[in-house]
């Protein structure tokens, strides 16, 4: 899909993702991604249910990205949505979200996400505060020197 006006192409081929550009953005510019190591990001990409990239027509430069985690049947989590600074204001964020959640295998899923900004963008797609059926346990990162806990049978 080309958007807007043929300047960008959206593609869900995971092999096309520029992992170096993604790492550069998430490790330096994304308030939500700086805690991750490069190995964490690589693992998240390898295990992603779906990724969508926005690429400049001609140069192929990755100008935006979105990732999803899903059970592949009914539920998905939208993550790591971004557009690089010089491509903002052109509708790429809207195109990335629409492609991820409405134009693909997850169109009928229950979607969730965490964000501290861009609420207006996500509200256009029906995202709202959770209802009374949703509970969440916040993440807890173990200390960096903590080893794997042994799991013993009960």
N, C-alpha and C. Protein backbone atom coordinates (compact mmCIF):
# COMPACT_ATOMS: atom_id res chain seq x y z
N UNK A 1 0.85 -1.17 0.00
CA UNK A 1 0.00 0.00 0.00
C UNK A 1 0.89 1.24 0.00
N UNK A 2 0.61 2.18 -0.86
CA UNK A 2 1.37 3.43 -0.93
C UNK A 2 0.59 4.53 -0.22
N UNK A 3 1.32 5.27 0.64
CA UNK A 3 0.66 6.32 1.42
C UNK A 3 1.71 7.28 1.90
N UNK A 4 1.49 8.56 2.00
CA UNK A 4 0.53 9.34 1.25
C UNK A 4 1.07 9.69 -0.12
N UNK A 5 0.20 9.82 -1.03
CA UNK A 5 0.49 10.25 -2.41
C UNK A 5 1.70 9.54 -3.01
N UNK A 6 1.85 8.26 -2.74
CA UNK A 6 2.93 7.49 -3.33
C UNK A 6 4.30 7.72 -2.73
N UNK A 7 4.41 8.56 -1.70
CA UNK A 7 5.71 8.86 -1.10
C UNK A 7 6.21 7.74 -0.19
N UNK A 8 5.27 6.97 0.39
CA UNK A 8 5.63 5.89 1.31
C UNK A 8 4.88 4.62 0.95
N UNK A 9 5.50 3.51 1.26
CA UNK A 9 4.88 2.21 1.07
C UNK A 9 4.83 1.52 2.43
N UNK A 10 3.67 0.94 2.77
CA UNK A 10 3.53 0.17 4.00
C UNK A 10 3.65 -1.30 3.66
N UNK A 11 4.40 -2.03 4.46
CA UNK A 11 4.69 -3.43 4.17
C UNK A 11 4.79 -4.20 5.47
N UNK A 12 4.21 -5.41 5.51
CA UNK A 12 4.29 -6.23 6.71
C UNK A 12 5.29 -7.38 6.59
N UNK A 13 6.24 -7.25 5.69
CA UNK A 13 7.30 -8.25 5.54
C UNK A 13 8.33 -8.05 6.65
N UNK A 14 8.45 -9.01 7.60
CA UNK A 14 9.41 -8.82 8.70
C UNK A 14 10.86 -8.77 8.21
N UNK A 15 11.15 -9.36 7.08
CA UNK A 15 12.51 -9.33 6.55
C UNK A 15 12.92 -7.97 6.03
N UNK A 16 11.98 -7.10 5.82
CA UNK A 16 12.28 -5.76 5.30
C UNK A 16 12.59 -4.76 6.40
N UNK A 17 12.27 -5.08 7.65
CA UNK A 17 12.50 -4.14 8.76
C UNK A 17 13.98 -3.81 8.87
N UNK A 18 14.28 -2.53 8.91
CA UNK A 18 15.65 -2.06 9.12
C UNK A 18 15.91 -2.10 10.63
N UNK A 19 16.50 -3.17 11.09
CA UNK A 19 16.69 -3.38 12.53
C UNK A 19 17.63 -2.34 13.14
N UNK A 20 18.59 -1.87 12.37
CA UNK A 20 19.49 -0.83 12.89
C UNK A 20 18.74 0.49 13.08
N UNK A 21 17.91 0.85 12.11
CA UNK A 21 17.13 2.09 12.23
C UNK A 21 16.11 1.96 13.37
N UNK A 22 15.52 0.80 13.50
CA UNK A 22 14.57 0.57 14.59
C UNK A 22 15.26 0.69 15.94
N UNK A 23 16.41 0.06 16.08
CA UNK A 23 17.17 0.14 17.32
C UNK A 23 17.57 1.59 17.61
N UNK A 24 18.02 2.31 16.60
CA UNK A 24 18.43 3.71 16.80
C UNK A 24 17.26 4.53 17.34
N UNK A 25 16.08 4.36 16.77
CA UNK A 25 14.94 5.14 17.24
C UNK A 25 14.52 4.72 18.64
N UNK A 26 14.31 3.44 18.84
CA UNK A 26 13.79 2.98 20.13
C UNK A 26 14.77 3.20 21.28
N UNK A 27 16.04 3.12 21.02
CA UNK A 27 17.03 3.27 22.11
C UNK A 27 17.36 4.72 22.42
N UNK A 28 17.06 5.63 21.49
CA UNK A 28 17.42 7.03 21.70
C UNK A 28 16.24 7.98 21.81
N UNK A 29 15.16 7.68 21.08
CA UNK A 29 14.07 8.65 20.98
C UNK A 29 12.77 8.22 21.65
N UNK A 30 12.53 6.95 21.77
CA UNK A 30 11.25 6.47 22.30
C UNK A 30 11.30 6.40 23.82
N UNK A 31 10.44 7.16 24.48
CA UNK A 31 10.42 7.13 25.94
C UNK A 31 10.09 5.73 26.46
N UNK A 32 9.37 4.95 25.66
CA UNK A 32 8.92 3.64 26.12
C UNK A 32 9.91 2.51 25.83
N UNK A 33 10.95 2.77 25.09
CA UNK A 33 11.82 1.68 24.67
C UNK A 33 13.24 1.70 25.17
N UNK A 34 13.61 2.71 25.89
CA UNK A 34 15.01 2.88 26.26
C UNK A 34 15.52 1.85 27.25
N UNK A 35 14.67 1.18 27.98
CA UNK A 35 15.10 0.18 28.96
C UNK A 35 15.59 -1.11 28.30
N UNK A 36 15.20 -1.33 27.04
CA UNK A 36 15.54 -2.58 26.37
C UNK A 36 16.98 -2.61 25.89
N UNK A 37 17.54 -3.79 25.88
CA UNK A 37 18.85 -3.98 25.25
C UNK A 37 18.60 -4.31 23.77
N UNK A 38 19.64 -4.28 22.99
CA UNK A 38 19.51 -4.65 21.58
C UNK A 38 19.06 -6.10 21.47
N UNK A 39 19.57 -6.96 22.34
CA UNK A 39 19.16 -8.37 22.33
C UNK A 39 17.67 -8.51 22.64
N UNK A 40 17.16 -7.70 23.58
CA UNK A 40 15.73 -7.71 23.88
C UNK A 40 14.92 -7.35 22.64
N UNK A 41 15.33 -6.28 21.97
CA UNK A 41 14.62 -5.84 20.78
C UNK A 41 14.66 -6.91 19.69
N UNK A 42 15.80 -7.51 19.47
CA UNK A 42 15.92 -8.56 18.45
C UNK A 42 14.96 -9.71 18.76
N UNK A 43 14.89 -10.08 20.02
CA UNK A 43 13.98 -11.17 20.43
C UNK A 43 12.53 -10.76 20.21
N UNK A 44 12.18 -9.54 20.56
CA UNK A 44 10.82 -9.07 20.34
C UNK A 44 10.46 -9.09 18.86
N UNK A 45 11.38 -8.70 18.02
CA UNK A 45 11.13 -8.74 16.57
C UNK A 45 10.97 -10.17 16.08
N UNK A 46 11.84 -11.04 16.53
CA UNK A 46 11.78 -12.43 16.10
C UNK A 46 10.50 -13.12 16.52
N UNK A 47 9.93 -12.70 17.66
CA UNK A 47 8.73 -13.33 18.20
C UNK A 47 7.45 -12.56 17.87
N UNK A 48 7.57 -11.43 17.17
CA UNK A 48 6.39 -10.61 16.86
C UNK A 48 5.39 -11.41 16.03
N UNK A 49 4.12 -11.18 16.31
CA UNK A 49 3.07 -11.78 15.52
C UNK A 49 3.00 -11.11 14.14
N UNK A 50 3.15 -9.79 14.14
CA UNK A 50 3.13 -9.03 12.89
C UNK A 50 3.88 -7.73 13.09
N UNK A 51 4.56 -7.29 12.06
CA UNK A 51 5.19 -5.97 12.04
C UNK A 51 4.74 -5.27 10.77
N UNK A 52 4.66 -3.94 10.85
CA UNK A 52 4.34 -3.13 9.67
C UNK A 52 5.35 -1.99 9.64
N UNK A 53 6.00 -1.84 8.52
CA UNK A 53 6.94 -0.74 8.34
C UNK A 53 6.43 0.23 7.30
N UNK A 54 6.82 1.49 7.43
CA UNK A 54 6.54 2.51 6.42
C UNK A 54 7.88 2.86 5.79
N UNK A 55 7.98 2.71 4.48
CA UNK A 55 9.23 2.88 3.75
C UNK A 55 9.09 3.93 2.68
N UNK A 56 10.08 4.80 2.59
CA UNK A 56 10.07 5.82 1.54
C UNK A 56 10.20 5.15 0.19
N UNK A 57 9.31 5.55 -0.72
CA UNK A 57 9.38 5.05 -2.08
C UNK A 57 10.69 5.55 -2.70
N UNK A 58 11.38 4.69 -3.36
CA UNK A 58 12.66 5.05 -3.98
C UNK A 58 13.83 4.67 -3.11
N UNK A 59 14.03 5.38 -2.00
CA UNK A 59 15.19 5.11 -1.14
C UNK A 59 15.01 3.86 -0.29
N UNK A 60 13.77 3.52 0.04
CA UNK A 60 13.50 2.37 0.89
C UNK A 60 13.75 2.62 2.36
N UNK A 61 14.11 3.86 2.72
CA UNK A 61 14.37 4.18 4.13
C UNK A 61 13.13 3.93 4.97
N UNK A 62 13.30 3.28 6.12
CA UNK A 62 12.19 3.03 7.02
C UNK A 62 11.87 4.31 7.78
N UNK A 63 10.65 4.81 7.61
CA UNK A 63 10.24 6.07 8.21
C UNK A 63 9.25 5.88 9.34
N UNK A 64 8.74 4.66 9.51
CA UNK A 64 7.80 4.38 10.58
C UNK A 64 7.69 2.89 10.80
N UNK A 65 7.08 2.55 11.93
CA UNK A 65 7.05 1.14 12.32
C UNK A 65 5.93 0.89 13.32
N UNK A 66 5.42 -0.33 13.33
CA UNK A 66 4.49 -0.81 14.36
C UNK A 66 4.70 -2.31 14.52
N UNK A 67 4.55 -2.80 15.75
CA UNK A 67 4.74 -4.22 16.06
C UNK A 67 3.52 -4.70 16.84
N UNK A 68 3.16 -5.97 16.66
CA UNK A 68 2.06 -6.55 17.43
C UNK A 68 2.46 -7.91 17.97
N UNK A 69 1.93 -8.19 19.16
CA UNK A 69 2.03 -9.49 19.80
C UNK A 69 0.61 -10.01 19.86
N UNK A 70 0.40 -11.29 19.56
CA UNK A 70 -0.96 -11.80 19.53
C UNK A 70 -1.02 -13.31 19.76
N UNK A 71 -2.21 -13.78 20.14
CA UNK A 71 -2.44 -15.22 20.18
C UNK A 71 -2.85 -15.72 18.80
N UNK A 72 -3.02 -14.80 17.85
CA UNK A 72 -3.36 -15.16 16.48
C UNK A 72 -4.81 -15.54 16.27
N UNK A 73 -5.63 -15.41 17.30
CA UNK A 73 -7.03 -15.82 17.21
C UNK A 73 -7.98 -14.69 17.60
N UNK A 74 -7.73 -14.06 18.76
CA UNK A 74 -8.72 -13.12 19.27
C UNK A 74 -8.15 -11.87 19.93
N UNK A 75 -6.89 -11.85 20.27
CA UNK A 75 -6.33 -10.78 21.09
C UNK A 75 -4.97 -10.35 20.54
N UNK A 76 -4.72 -9.04 20.59
CA UNK A 76 -3.42 -8.53 20.15
C UNK A 76 -3.04 -7.29 20.94
N UNK A 77 -1.75 -7.10 21.07
CA UNK A 77 -1.17 -5.94 21.75
C UNK A 77 -0.37 -5.14 20.72
N UNK A 78 -0.68 -3.86 20.61
CA UNK A 78 0.00 -2.96 19.67
C UNK A 78 1.17 -2.30 20.38
N UNK A 79 2.34 -2.35 19.77
CA UNK A 79 3.54 -1.84 20.42
C UNK A 79 4.46 -1.13 19.43
N UNK A 80 5.32 -0.29 19.98
CA UNK A 80 6.43 0.32 19.24
C UNK A 80 6.00 1.09 18.00
N UNK A 81 4.87 1.76 18.05
CA UNK A 81 4.42 2.58 16.92
C UNK A 81 5.20 3.89 16.93
N UNK A 82 5.84 4.18 15.81
CA UNK A 82 6.53 5.47 15.71
C UNK A 82 6.67 5.89 14.26
N UNK A 83 6.88 7.19 14.07
CA UNK A 83 7.20 7.79 12.78
C UNK A 83 8.39 8.70 13.03
N UNK A 84 9.40 8.63 12.19
CA UNK A 84 10.58 9.48 12.37
C UNK A 84 10.19 10.95 12.19
N UNK A 85 10.95 11.81 12.84
CA UNK A 85 10.59 13.24 12.92
C UNK A 85 10.31 13.88 11.57
N UNK A 86 11.13 13.62 10.56
CA UNK A 86 10.95 14.31 9.28
C UNK A 86 9.81 13.75 8.44
N UNK A 87 9.12 12.73 8.92
CA UNK A 87 7.98 12.18 8.19
C UNK A 87 6.67 12.36 8.97
N UNK A 88 6.72 13.06 10.08
CA UNK A 88 5.51 13.28 10.89
C UNK A 88 4.61 14.32 10.23
N UNK A 89 3.33 14.23 10.55
CA UNK A 89 2.36 15.18 10.01
C UNK A 89 1.85 14.83 8.64
N UNK A 90 2.22 13.67 8.13
CA UNK A 90 1.79 13.25 6.79
C UNK A 90 0.74 12.13 6.83
N UNK A 91 0.34 11.74 8.03
CA UNK A 91 -0.65 10.68 8.15
C UNK A 91 -0.08 9.28 8.26
N UNK A 92 1.24 9.18 8.41
CA UNK A 92 1.85 7.85 8.50
C UNK A 92 1.46 7.10 9.77
N UNK A 93 1.35 7.80 10.88
CA UNK A 93 0.94 7.14 12.12
C UNK A 93 -0.44 6.51 11.96
N UNK A 94 -1.36 7.27 11.38
CA UNK A 94 -2.70 6.76 11.13
C UNK A 94 -2.64 5.57 10.17
N UNK A 95 -1.85 5.67 9.13
CA UNK A 95 -1.73 4.58 8.16
C UNK A 95 -1.14 3.33 8.79
N UNK A 96 -0.13 3.50 9.64
CA UNK A 96 0.48 2.34 10.31
C UNK A 96 -0.53 1.62 11.20
N UNK A 97 -1.26 2.39 12.02
CA UNK A 97 -2.23 1.78 12.92
C UNK A 97 -3.36 1.13 12.13
N UNK A 98 -3.86 1.81 11.12
CA UNK A 98 -4.94 1.24 10.30
C UNK A 98 -4.49 -0.05 9.63
N UNK A 99 -3.29 -0.06 9.10
CA UNK A 99 -2.78 -1.26 8.44
C UNK A 99 -2.63 -2.40 9.43
N UNK A 100 -2.13 -2.09 10.61
CA UNK A 100 -1.92 -3.13 11.61
C UNK A 100 -3.23 -3.71 12.12
N UNK A 101 -4.17 -2.85 12.51
CA UNK A 101 -5.34 -3.37 13.22
C UNK A 101 -6.58 -3.56 12.35
N UNK A 102 -6.70 -2.83 11.25
CA UNK A 102 -7.91 -2.93 10.44
C UNK A 102 -7.70 -3.60 9.08
N UNK A 103 -6.47 -3.66 8.61
CA UNK A 103 -6.20 -4.20 7.26
C UNK A 103 -5.26 -5.40 7.35
N UNK A 104 -5.75 -6.43 7.94
CA UNK A 104 -4.90 -7.60 8.08
C UNK A 104 -5.59 -8.67 8.88
N UNK A 105 -4.85 -9.68 9.27
CA UNK A 105 -5.44 -10.83 9.94
C UNK A 105 -6.02 -10.55 11.32
N UNK A 106 -5.71 -9.40 11.92
CA UNK A 106 -6.22 -9.09 13.25
C UNK A 106 -7.39 -8.13 13.26
N UNK A 107 -8.03 -7.92 12.14
CA UNK A 107 -9.10 -6.92 12.05
C UNK A 107 -10.25 -7.17 13.02
N UNK A 108 -10.51 -8.39 13.40
CA UNK A 108 -11.60 -8.67 14.32
C UNK A 108 -11.17 -8.88 15.76
N UNK A 109 -9.89 -8.67 16.05
CA UNK A 109 -9.35 -8.93 17.38
C UNK A 109 -9.72 -7.85 18.38
N UNK A 110 -9.59 -8.19 19.65
CA UNK A 110 -9.58 -7.20 20.74
C UNK A 110 -8.14 -6.71 20.82
N UNK A 111 -7.93 -5.43 20.67
CA UNK A 111 -6.60 -4.84 20.68
C UNK A 111 -6.39 -4.03 21.96
N UNK A 112 -5.16 -4.01 22.44
CA UNK A 112 -4.81 -3.15 23.57
C UNK A 112 -3.45 -2.53 23.31
N UNK A 113 -3.12 -1.50 24.07
CA UNK A 113 -1.82 -0.86 23.98
C UNK A 113 -1.59 -0.04 25.23
N UNK A 114 -0.36 0.33 25.45
CA UNK A 114 0.02 1.26 26.51
C UNK A 114 0.65 2.46 25.83
N UNK A 115 0.25 3.65 26.23
CA UNK A 115 0.86 4.85 25.68
C UNK A 115 0.67 6.03 26.63
N UNK A 116 1.64 6.91 26.63
CA UNK A 116 1.54 8.14 27.42
C UNK A 116 1.21 9.33 26.51
N UNK A 117 1.12 9.08 25.21
CA UNK A 117 0.83 10.16 24.28
C UNK A 117 0.04 9.62 23.08
N UNK A 118 -0.27 10.46 22.15
CA UNK A 118 -0.97 10.11 20.90
C UNK A 118 -2.34 9.48 21.14
N UNK A 119 -2.97 9.83 22.27
CA UNK A 119 -4.29 9.27 22.56
C UNK A 119 -5.30 9.59 21.45
N UNK A 120 -5.21 10.76 20.88
CA UNK A 120 -6.13 11.13 19.80
C UNK A 120 -6.01 10.20 18.61
N UNK A 121 -4.81 9.81 18.26
CA UNK A 121 -4.60 8.88 17.15
C UNK A 121 -5.31 7.56 17.45
N UNK A 122 -5.06 7.01 18.61
CA UNK A 122 -5.61 5.69 18.94
C UNK A 122 -7.12 5.73 19.15
N UNK A 123 -7.64 6.83 19.65
CA UNK A 123 -9.09 6.96 19.83
C UNK A 123 -9.83 6.88 18.49
N UNK A 124 -9.20 7.33 17.41
CA UNK A 124 -9.81 7.24 16.08
C UNK A 124 -10.10 5.78 15.70
N UNK A 125 -9.37 4.86 16.30
CA UNK A 125 -9.53 3.45 16.00
C UNK A 125 -10.29 2.69 17.09
N UNK A 126 -10.94 3.42 17.98
CA UNK A 126 -11.77 2.80 18.99
C UNK A 126 -11.08 2.47 20.30
N UNK A 127 -9.81 2.83 20.43
CA UNK A 127 -9.14 2.59 21.71
C UNK A 127 -9.71 3.54 22.76
N UNK A 128 -9.96 3.01 23.94
CA UNK A 128 -10.52 3.79 25.05
C UNK A 128 -10.03 3.20 26.36
N UNK A 129 -10.32 3.87 27.44
CA UNK A 129 -9.95 3.32 28.75
C UNK A 129 -10.61 1.95 28.90
N UNK A 130 -9.94 1.02 29.58
CA UNK A 130 -10.51 -0.33 29.70
C UNK A 130 -11.82 -0.34 30.48
N UNK A 131 -12.62 -1.33 30.15
CA UNK A 131 -13.88 -1.49 30.87
C UNK A 131 -13.63 -2.35 32.11
N UNK A 132 -14.69 -2.71 32.79
CA UNK A 132 -14.58 -3.46 34.04
C UNK A 132 -14.11 -4.89 33.88
N UNK A 133 -13.89 -5.35 32.65
CA UNK A 133 -13.44 -6.73 32.45
C UNK A 133 -11.92 -6.84 32.31
N UNK A 134 -11.23 -5.72 32.39
CA UNK A 134 -9.79 -5.71 32.12
C UNK A 134 -9.00 -5.45 33.40
N UNK A 135 -8.10 -6.33 33.71
CA UNK A 135 -7.16 -6.14 34.82
C UNK A 135 -5.76 -6.27 34.27
N UNK A 136 -4.82 -5.67 34.95
CA UNK A 136 -3.44 -5.73 34.49
C UNK A 136 -2.49 -5.75 35.67
N UNK A 137 -1.47 -6.58 35.55
CA UNK A 137 -0.40 -6.58 36.54
C UNK A 137 0.78 -5.85 35.91
N UNK A 138 1.20 -4.73 36.47
CA UNK A 138 2.33 -3.99 35.91
C UNK A 138 3.59 -4.84 35.89
N UNK A 139 4.43 -4.59 34.89
CA UNK A 139 5.68 -5.32 34.77
C UNK A 139 6.65 -4.99 35.89
N UNK A 140 7.45 -5.97 36.23
CA UNK A 140 8.49 -5.79 37.24
C UNK A 140 9.76 -6.39 36.68
N UNK A 141 10.76 -5.56 36.49
CA UNK A 141 12.02 -6.05 35.97
C UNK A 141 12.92 -6.46 37.13
N UNK A 142 13.45 -7.68 37.07
CA UNK A 142 14.36 -8.10 38.13
C UNK A 142 15.68 -7.34 38.04
N UNK A 143 16.43 -7.29 39.14
CA UNK A 143 17.75 -6.65 39.07
C UNK A 143 18.60 -7.31 38.00
N UNK A 144 19.47 -6.54 37.38
CA UNK A 144 20.29 -7.04 36.27
C UNK A 144 21.13 -8.24 36.65
N UNK A 145 21.52 -8.36 37.91
CA UNK A 145 22.37 -9.46 38.32
C UNK A 145 21.59 -10.67 38.82
N UNK A 146 20.26 -10.59 38.81
CA UNK A 146 19.45 -11.71 39.28
C UNK A 146 19.46 -12.83 38.24
N UNK A 147 19.73 -14.04 38.68
CA UNK A 147 19.73 -15.19 37.78
C UNK A 147 18.33 -15.73 37.60
N UNK A 148 18.21 -16.74 36.77
CA UNK A 148 16.93 -17.41 36.59
C UNK A 148 16.55 -18.11 37.88
N UNK A 149 15.37 -17.90 38.35
CA UNK A 149 14.87 -18.57 39.55
C UNK A 149 14.59 -20.03 39.24
N UNK A 150 14.99 -20.88 40.11
CA UNK A 150 14.70 -22.30 39.93
C UNK A 150 13.23 -22.56 40.18
N UNK A 151 12.64 -23.32 39.32
CA UNK A 151 11.23 -23.66 39.48
C UNK A 151 11.18 -25.10 39.97
N UNK A 152 10.58 -25.28 41.13
CA UNK A 152 10.48 -26.63 41.66
C UNK A 152 9.03 -27.07 41.63
N UNK A 153 8.81 -28.36 41.36
CA UNK A 153 7.44 -28.84 41.34
C UNK A 153 6.82 -28.78 42.72
N UNK A 154 5.52 -28.57 42.77
CA UNK A 154 4.83 -28.47 44.06
C UNK A 154 4.57 -29.84 44.64
